[in-house]
Amino acid sequence: MKYAVTGNTANAATASDFDGNVLPTGTITFAAGETSKLITINVLADSIVELAEGFIVTLSSPVSGIITTATASGTIQNDD
C-alpha cells in the first residue's frame, strides 16, 4: 500500500517542512491479519516562528483488501 503527504488547511505544510525538502511518500506492507500500521513522518526543525501547519497522510493502492480509513491529519506545531 502506498502513502503520500500533502499540505492541508489555510496554513498548509510544504515540502520545506519535511526531511529531504520533499513531501513524504512511501510504501507500507501489512502482514496477514494486521489492520493498522504506524507511519513516522519526520519534520525539519527551523528557527522561524510560524503558525501551526497542517498536513494529511493519504493511503492508496492496496494490493489486496480494502482501505477503511484512507486519510489521517497531522499538525506541525511551532517550536521556536
PDB file of N, CA and C in Angstrom:
ATOM      1  N   MET A   1       0.845  -1.157   0.000  1.00  0.00           N
ATOM      2  CA  MET A   1       0.000   0.000   0.000  1.00  0.00           C
ATOM      3  C   MET A   1       0.900   1.232   0.000  1.00  0.00           C
ATOM      4  N   LYS A   2       0.464   2.257  -0.695  1.00  0.00           N
ATOM      5  CA  LYS A   2       1.246   3.490  -0.770  1.00  0.00           C
ATOM      6  C   LYS A   2       0.681   4.543   0.183  1.00  0.00           C
ATOM      7  N   TYR A   3       1.565   5.468   0.598  1.00  0.00           N
ATOM      8  CA  TYR A   3       1.100   6.634   1.340  1.00  0.00           C
ATOM      9  C   TYR A   3       1.759   7.882   0.762  1.00  0.00           C
ATOM     10  N   ALA A   4       1.070   9.007   0.910  1.00  0.00           N
ATOM     11  CA  ALA A   4       1.589  10.289   0.433  1.00  0.00           C
ATOM     12  C   ALA A   4       1.113  11.392   1.371  1.00  0.00           C
ATOM     13  N   VAL A   5       1.985  12.365   1.602  1.00  0.00           N
ATOM     14  CA  VAL A   5       1.670  13.510   2.447  1.00  0.00           C
ATOM     15  C   VAL A   5       1.397  14.715   1.561  1.00  0.00           C
ATOM     16  N   THR A   6       0.344  15.445   1.888  1.00  0.00           N
ATOM     17  CA  THR A   6       0.025  16.695   1.202  1.00  0.00           C
ATOM     18  C   THR A   6      -0.290  17.755   2.250  1.00  0.00           C
ATOM     19  N   GLY A   7      -0.103  19.016   1.874  1.00  0.00           N
ATOM     20  CA  GLY A   7      -0.445  20.107   2.766  1.00  0.00           C
ATOM     21  C   GLY A   7      -1.949  20.213   2.918  1.00  0.00           C
ATOM     22  N   ASN A   8      -2.389  20.715   4.059  1.00  0.00           N
ATOM     23  CA  ASN A   8      -3.805  20.838   4.349  1.00  0.00           C
ATOM     24  C   ASN A   8      -4.019  22.090   5.187  1.00  0.00           C
ATOM     25  N   THR A   9      -5.133  22.694   5.093  1.00  0.00           N
ATOM     26  CA  THR A   9      -5.561  23.880   5.831  1.00  0.00           C
ATOM     27  C   THR A   9      -5.039  25.146   5.166  1.00  0.00           C
ATOM     28  N   ALA A  10      -5.503  26.271   5.660  1.00  0.00           N
ATOM     29  CA  ALA A  10      -5.082  27.563   5.110  1.00  0.00           C
ATOM     30  C   ALA A  10      -3.580  27.768   5.276  1.00  0.00           C
ATOM     31  N   ASN A  11      -3.011  27.234   6.335  1.00  0.00           N
ATOM     32  CA  ASN A  11      -1.570  27.335   6.583  1.00  0.00           C
ATOM     33  C   ASN A  11      -0.964  25.946   6.403  1.00  0.00           C
ATOM     34  N   ALA A  12      -0.918  25.498   5.161  1.00  0.00           N
ATOM     35  CA  ALA A  12      -0.513  24.127   4.849  1.00  0.00           C
ATOM     36  C   ALA A  12       0.991  23.917   4.949  1.00  0.00           C
ATOM     37  N   ALA A  13       1.366  22.725   5.393  1.00  0.00           N
ATOM     38  CA  ALA A  13       2.764  22.315   5.362  1.00  0.00           C
ATOM     39  C   ALA A  13       3.206  22.195   3.909  1.00  0.00           C
ATOM     40  N   THR A  14       4.466  22.489   3.654  1.00  0.00           N
ATOM     41  CA  THR A  14       5.042  22.375   2.313  1.00  0.00           C
ATOM     42  C   THR A  14       6.253  21.455   2.370  1.00  0.00           C
ATOM     43  N   ALA A  15       6.825  21.146   1.222  1.00  0.00           N
ATOM     44  CA  ALA A  15       7.982  20.248   1.142  1.00  0.00           C
ATOM     45  C   ALA A  15       9.110  20.703   2.058  1.00  0.00           C
ATOM     46  N   SER A  16       9.308  22.009   2.195  1.00  0.00           N
ATOM     47  CA  SER A  16      10.418  22.516   3.013  1.00  0.00           C
ATOM     48  C   SER A  16      10.240  22.243   4.506  1.00  0.00           C
ATOM     49  N   ASP A  17       9.080  21.752   4.921  1.00  0.00           N
ATOM     50  CA  ASP A  17       8.845  21.426   6.329  1.00  0.00           C
ATOM     51  C   ASP A  17       9.279  20.004   6.690  1.00  0.00           C
ATOM     52  N   PHE A  18       9.653  19.204   5.690  1.00  0.00           N
ATOM     53  CA  PHE A  18       9.942  17.793   5.917  1.00  0.00           C
ATOM     54  C   PHE A  18      11.386  17.444   5.558  1.00  0.00           C
ATOM     55  N   ASP A  19      11.873  16.341   6.146  1.00  0.00           N
ATOM     56  CA  ASP A  19      13.213  15.840   5.827  1.00  0.00           C
ATOM     57  C   ASP A  19      13.373  15.699   4.324  1.00  0.00           C
ATOM     58  N   GLY A  20      14.523  16.112   3.810  1.00  0.00           N
ATOM     59  CA  GLY A  20      14.826  15.995   2.395  1.00  0.00           C
ATOM     60  C   GLY A  20      14.176  17.059   1.541  1.00  0.00           C
ATOM     61  N   ASN A  21      13.455  17.988   2.165  1.00  0.00           N
ATOM     62  CA  ASN A  21      12.740  19.044   1.434  1.00  0.00           C
ATOM     63  C   ASN A  21      11.798  18.497   0.376  1.00  0.00           C
ATOM     64  N   VAL A  22      11.169  17.384   0.678  1.00  0.00           N
ATOM     65  CA  VAL A  22      10.153  16.801  -0.204  1.00  0.00           C
ATOM     66  C   VAL A  22       8.966  16.353   0.654  1.00  0.00           C
ATOM     67  N   LEU A  23       7.779  16.385   0.052  1.00  0.00           N
ATOM     68  CA  LEU A  23       6.618  15.830   0.741  1.00  0.00           C
ATOM     69  C   LEU A  23       6.807  14.325   0.838  1.00  0.00           C
ATOM     70  N   PRO A  24       6.712  13.760   2.035  1.00  0.00           N
ATOM     71  CA  PRO A  24       6.980  12.331   2.214  1.00  0.00           C
ATOM     72  C   PRO A  24       6.013  11.434   1.443  1.00  0.00           C
ATOM     73  N   THR A  25       6.554  10.365   0.889  1.00  0.00           N
ATOM     74  CA  THR A  25       5.784   9.299   0.254  1.00  0.00           C
ATOM     75  C   THR A  25       6.472   7.989   0.588  1.00  0.00           C
ATOM     76  N   GLY A  26       5.765   6.909   0.409  1.00  0.00           N
ATOM     77  CA  GLY A  26       6.392   5.626   0.653  1.00  0.00           C
ATOM     78  C   GLY A  26       5.421   4.484   0.494  1.00  0.00           C
ATOM     79  N   THR A  27       5.882   3.317   0.865  1.00  0.00           N
ATOM     80  CA  THR A  27       5.093   2.097   0.786  1.00  0.00           C
ATOM     81  C   THR A  27       5.111   1.425   2.146  1.00  0.00           C
ATOM     82  N   ILE A  28       3.974   0.914   2.546  1.00  0.00           N
ATOM     83  CA  ILE A  28       3.894   0.141   3.786  1.00  0.00           C
ATOM     84  C   ILE A  28       3.321  -1.231   3.449  1.00  0.00           C
ATOM     85  N   THR A  29       3.725  -2.221   4.222  1.00  0.00           N
ATOM     86  CA  THR A  29       3.282  -3.583   3.996  1.00  0.00           C
ATOM     87  C   THR A  29       2.595  -4.097   5.254  1.00  0.00           C
ATOM     88  N   PHE A  30       1.434  -4.667   5.061  1.00  0.00           N
ATOM     89  CA  PHE A  30       0.687  -5.267   6.156  1.00  0.00           C
ATOM     90  C   PHE A  30       0.866  -6.777   6.120  1.00  0.00           C
ATOM     91  N   ALA A  31       1.175  -7.358   7.259  1.00  0.00           N
ATOM     92  CA  ALA A  31       1.230  -8.816   7.364  1.00  0.00           C
ATOM     93  C   ALA A  31      -0.199  -9.343   7.437  1.00  0.00           C
ATOM     94  N   ALA A  32      -0.367 -10.610   7.155  1.00  0.00           N
ATOM     95  CA  ALA A  32      -1.696 -11.228   7.231  1.00  0.00           C
ATOM     96  C   ALA A  32      -2.294 -10.975   8.617  1.00  0.00           C
ATOM     97  N   GLY A  33      -3.505 -10.476   8.650  1.00  0.00           N
ATOM     98  CA  GLY A  33      -4.199 -10.226   9.914  1.00  0.00           C
ATOM     99  C   GLY A  33      -3.981  -8.843  10.503  1.00  0.00           C
ATOM    100  N   GLU A  34      -2.983  -8.097  10.029  1.00  0.00           N
ATOM    101  CA  GLU A  34      -2.748  -6.749  10.540  1.00  0.00           C
ATOM    102  C   GLU A  34      -3.817  -5.800  10.024  1.00  0.00           C
ATOM    103  N   THR A  35      -4.271  -4.913  10.896  1.00  0.00           N
ATOM    104  CA  THR A  35      -5.297  -3.949  10.489  1.00  0.00           C
ATOM    105  C   THR A  35      -4.855  -2.502  10.677  1.00  0.00           C
ATOM    106  N   SER A  36      -3.663  -2.286  11.221  1.00  0.00           N
ATOM    107  CA  SER A  36      -3.154  -0.918  11.365  1.00  0.00           C
ATOM    108  C   SER A  36      -1.634  -0.929  11.316  1.00  0.00           C
ATOM    109  N   LYS A  37      -1.076   0.231  10.975  1.00  0.00           N
ATOM    110  CA  LYS A  37       0.376   0.411  10.896  1.00  0.00           C
ATOM    111  C   LYS A  37       0.712   1.810  11.375  1.00  0.00           C
ATOM    112  N   LEU A  38       1.884   1.976  11.962  1.00  0.00           N
ATOM    113  CA  LEU A  38       2.411   3.274  12.358  1.00  0.00           C
ATOM    114  C   LEU A  38       3.295   3.795  11.233  1.00  0.00           C
ATOM    115  N   ILE A  39       3.037   5.021  10.793  1.00  0.00           N
ATOM    116  CA  ILE A  39       3.874   5.677   9.791  1.00  0.00           C
ATOM    117  C   ILE A  39       4.501   6.880  10.475  1.00  0.00           C
ATOM    118  N   THR A  40       5.823   6.966  10.469  1.00  0.00           N
ATOM    119  CA  THR A  40       6.520   8.101  11.066  1.00  0.00           C
ATOM    120  C   THR A  40       6.825   9.124   9.984  1.00  0.00           C
ATOM    121  N   ILE A  41       6.377  10.353  10.197  1.00  0.00           N
ATOM    122  CA  ILE A  41       6.617  11.449   9.261  1.00  0.00           C
ATOM    123  C   ILE A  41       7.587  12.411   9.942  1.00  0.00           C
ATOM    124  N   ASN A  42       8.822  12.475   9.456  1.00  0.00           N
ATOM    125  CA  ASN A  42       9.839  13.335  10.063  1.00  0.00           C
ATOM    126  C   ASN A  42       9.750  14.754   9.507  1.00  0.00           C
ATOM    127  N   VAL A  43       9.764  15.725  10.406  1.00  0.00           N
ATOM    128  CA  VAL A  43       9.721  17.132  10.008  1.00  0.00           C
ATOM    129  C   VAL A  43      11.065  17.784  10.303  1.00  0.00           C
ATOM    130  N   LEU A  44      11.334  18.868   9.596  1.00  0.00           N
ATOM    131  CA  LEU A  44      12.574  19.621   9.806  1.00  0.00           C
ATOM    132  C   LEU A  44      12.389  20.669  10.888  1.00  0.00           C
ATOM    133  N   ALA A  45      13.362  20.797  11.730  1.00  0.00           N
ATOM    134  CA  ALA A  45      13.368  21.884  12.703  1.00  0.00           C
ATOM    135  C   ALA A  45      13.882  23.143  12.009  1.00  0.00           C
ATOM    136  N   ASP A  46      13.363  24.259  12.423  1.00  0.00           N
ATOM    137  CA  ASP A  46      13.872  25.530  11.900  1.00  0.00           C
ATOM    138  C   ASP A  46      13.858  26.549  13.031  1.00  0.00           C
ATOM    139  N   SER A  47      14.324  27.741  12.767  1.00  0.00           N
ATOM    140  CA  SER A  47      14.374  28.772  13.818  1.00  0.00           C
ATOM    141  C   SER A  47      13.436  29.935  13.493  1.00  0.00           C
ATOM    142  N   ILE A  48      12.428  29.658  12.672  1.00  0.00           N
ATOM    143  CA  ILE A  48      11.467  30.682  12.269  1.00  0.00           C
ATOM    144  C   ILE A  48      10.175  30.480  13.042  1.00  0.00           C
ATOM    145  N   VAL A  49       9.665  31.549  13.637  1.00  0.00           N
ATOM    146  CA  VAL A  49       8.385  31.470  14.320  1.00  0.00           C
ATOM    147  C   VAL A  49       7.299  31.391  13.246  1.00  0.00           C
ATOM    148  N   GLU A  50       6.499  30.325  13.301  1.00  0.00           N
ATOM    149  CA  GLU A  50       5.468  30.090  12.297  1.00  0.00           C
ATOM    150  C   GLU A  50       4.171  29.676  12.970  1.00  0.00           C
ATOM    151  N   LEU A  51       3.077  29.813  12.261  1.00  0.00           N
ATOM    152  CA  LEU A  51       1.808  29.261  12.698  1.00  0.00           C
ATOM    153  C   LEU A  51       1.868  27.744  12.566  1.00  0.00           C
ATOM    154  N   ALA A  52       0.970  27.050  13.246  1.00  0.00           N
ATOM    155  CA  ALA A  52       0.875  25.605  13.078  1.00  0.00           C
ATOM    156  C   ALA A  52       0.554  25.301  11.614  1.00  0.00           C
ATOM    157  N   GLU A  53       1.152  24.250  11.084  1.00  0.00           N
ATOM    158  CA  GLU A  53       0.982  23.886   9.677  1.00  0.00           C
ATOM    159  C   GLU A  53       0.351  22.501   9.576  1.00  0.00           C
ATOM    160  N   GLY A  54      -0.680  22.393   8.744  1.00  0.00           N
ATOM    161  CA  GLY A  54      -1.412  21.142   8.638  1.00  0.00           C
ATOM    162  C   GLY A  54      -0.977  20.294   7.465  1.00  0.00           C
ATOM    163  N   PHE A  55      -1.135  18.977   7.628  1.00  0.00           N
ATOM    164  CA  PHE A  55      -0.889  18.053   6.526  1.00  0.00           C
ATOM    165  C   PHE A  55      -1.803  16.844   6.650  1.00  0.00           C
ATOM    166  N   ILE A  56      -1.948  16.128   5.542  1.00  0.00           N
ATOM    167  CA  ILE A  56      -2.753  14.910   5.503  1.00  0.00           C
ATOM    168  C   ILE A  56      -1.893  13.779   4.957  1.00  0.00           C
ATOM    169  N   VAL A  57      -2.018  12.609   5.555  1.00  0.00           N
ATOM    170  CA  VAL A  57      -1.400  11.388   5.037  1.00  0.00           C
ATOM    171  C   VAL A  57      -2.527  10.577   4.390  1.00  0.00           C
ATOM    172  N   THR A  58      -2.341  10.247   3.115  1.00  0.00           N
ATOM    173  CA  THR A  58      -3.370   9.508   2.373  1.00  0.00           C
ATOM    174  C   THR A  58      -2.832   8.142   1.958  1.00  0.00           C
ATOM    175  N   LEU A  59      -3.615   7.110   2.232  1.00  0.00           N
ATOM    176  CA  LEU A  59      -3.278   5.746   1.813  1.00  0.00           C
ATOM    177  C   LEU A  59      -3.952   5.451   0.483  1.00  0.00           C
ATOM    178  N   SER A  60      -3.266   4.682  -0.380  1.00  0.00           N
ATOM    179  CA  SER A  60      -3.843   4.314  -1.677  1.00  0.00           C
ATOM    180  C   SER A  60      -3.242   3.009  -2.171  1.00  0.00           C
ATOM    181  N   SER A  61      -3.817   2.472  -3.222  1.00  0.00           N
ATOM    182  CA  SER A  61      -3.310   1.304  -3.949  1.00  0.00           C
ATOM    183  C   SER A  61      -3.085   0.063  -3.093  1.00  0.00           C
ATOM    184  N   PRO A  62      -4.114  -0.395  -2.381  1.00  0.00           N
ATOM    185  CA  PRO A  62      -3.924  -1.645  -1.644  1.00  0.00           C
ATOM    186  C   PRO A  62      -3.720  -2.811  -2.605  1.00  0.00           C
ATOM    187  N   VAL A  63      -2.828  -3.725  -2.248  1.00  0.00           N
ATOM    188  CA  VAL A  63      -2.562  -4.890  -3.093  1.00  0.00           C
ATOM    189  C   VAL A  63      -3.716  -5.881  -2.973  1.00  0.00           C
ATOM    190  N   SER A  64      -4.228  -6.029  -1.763  1.00  0.00           N
ATOM    191  CA  SER A  64      -5.410  -6.855  -1.536  1.00  0.00           C
ATOM    192  C   SER A  64      -6.167  -6.248  -0.365  1.00  0.00           C
ATOM    193  N   GLY A  65      -7.406  -6.545  -0.258  1.00  0.00           N
ATOM    194  CA  GLY A  65      -8.208  -5.986   0.810  1.00  0.00           C
ATOM    195  C   GLY A  65      -8.707  -4.592   0.464  1.00  0.00           C
ATOM    196  N   ILE A  66      -9.210  -3.904   1.475  1.00  0.00           N
ATOM    197  CA  ILE A  66      -9.757  -2.561   1.274  1.00  0.00           C
ATOM    198  C   ILE A  66      -9.184  -1.603   2.303  1.00  0.00           C
ATOM    199  N   ILE A  67      -9.265  -0.327   2.015  1.00  0.00           N
ATOM    200  CA  ILE A  67      -8.865   0.719   2.952  1.00  0.00           C
ATOM    201  C   ILE A  67     -10.140   1.265   3.573  1.00  0.00           C
ATOM    202  N   THR A  68     -10.284   1.142   4.881  1.00  0.00           N
ATOM    203  CA  THR A  68     -11.495   1.649   5.525  1.00  0.00           C
ATOM    204  C   THR A  68     -11.336   3.098   5.971  1.00  0.00           C
ATOM    205  N   THR A  69     -10.137   3.499   6.322  1.00  0.00           N
ATOM    206  CA  THR A  69      -9.854   4.904   6.654  1.00  0.00           C
ATOM    207  C   THR A  69      -8.630   5.300   5.850  1.00  0.00           C
ATOM    208  N   ALA A  70      -8.837   6.098   4.789  1.00  0.00           N
ATOM    209  CA  ALA A  70      -7.760   6.389   3.846  1.00  0.00           C
ATOM    210  C   ALA A  70      -6.926   7.603   4.216  1.00  0.00           C
ATOM    211  N   THR A  71      -7.392   8.435   5.130  1.00  0.00           N
ATOM    212  CA  THR A  71      -6.638   9.650   5.453  1.00  0.00           C
ATOM    213  C   THR A  71      -6.524   9.862   6.958  1.00  0.00           C
ATOM    214  N   ALA A  72      -5.445  10.539   7.324  1.00  0.00           N
ATOM    215  CA  ALA A  72      -5.232  10.982   8.706  1.00  0.00           C
ATOM    216  C   ALA A  72      -4.596  12.360   8.636  1.00  0.00           C
ATOM    217  N   SER A  73      -4.946  13.222   9.554  1.00  0.00           N
ATOM    218  CA  SER A  73      -4.387  14.572   9.536  1.00  0.00           C
ATOM    219  C   SER A  73      -3.333  14.727  10.619  1.00  0.00           C
ATOM    220  N   GLY A  74      -2.415  15.649  10.372  1.00  0.00           N
ATOM    221  CA  GLY A  74      -1.357  15.948  11.331  1.00  0.00           C
ATOM    222  C   GLY A  74      -1.112  17.437  11.364  1.00  0.00           C
ATOM    223  N   THR A  75      -0.454  17.883  12.419  1.00  0.00           N
ATOM    224  CA  THR A  75      -0.138  19.307  12.576  1.00  0.00           C
ATOM    225  C   THR A  75       1.302  19.447  13.029  1.00  0.00           C
ATOM    226  N   ILE A  76       2.043  20.328  12.357  1.00  0.00           N
ATOM    227  CA  ILE A  76       3.389  20.674  12.779  1.00  0.00           C
ATOM    228  C   ILE A  76       3.255  21.910  13.651  1.00  0.00           C
ATOM    229  N   GLN A  77       3.561  21.762  14.932  1.00  0.00           N
ATOM    230  CA  GLN A  77       3.464  22.867  15.877  1.00  0.00           C
ATOM    231  C   GLN A  77       4.758  23.673  15.871  1.00  0.00           C
ATOM    232  N   ASN A  78       4.647  24.969  16.056  1.00  0.00           N
ATOM    233  CA  ASN A  78       5.820  25.831  16.150  1.00  0.00           C
ATOM    234  C   ASN A  78       6.630  25.445  17.392  1.00  0.00           C
ATOM    235  N   ASP A  79       7.946  25.352  17.244  1.00  0.00           N
ATOM    236  CA  ASP A  79       8.806  25.020  18.382  1.00  0.00           C
ATOM    237  C   ASP A  79       9.824  26.129  18.677  1.00  0.00           C
ATOM    238  N   ASP A  80       9.601  27.303  18.121  1.00  0.00           N
ATOM    239  CA  ASP A  80      10.555  28.405  18.306  1.00  0.00           C
ATOM    240  C   ASP A  80      10.037  29.413  19.308  1.00  0.00           C
TER     241      ASP A  80
END
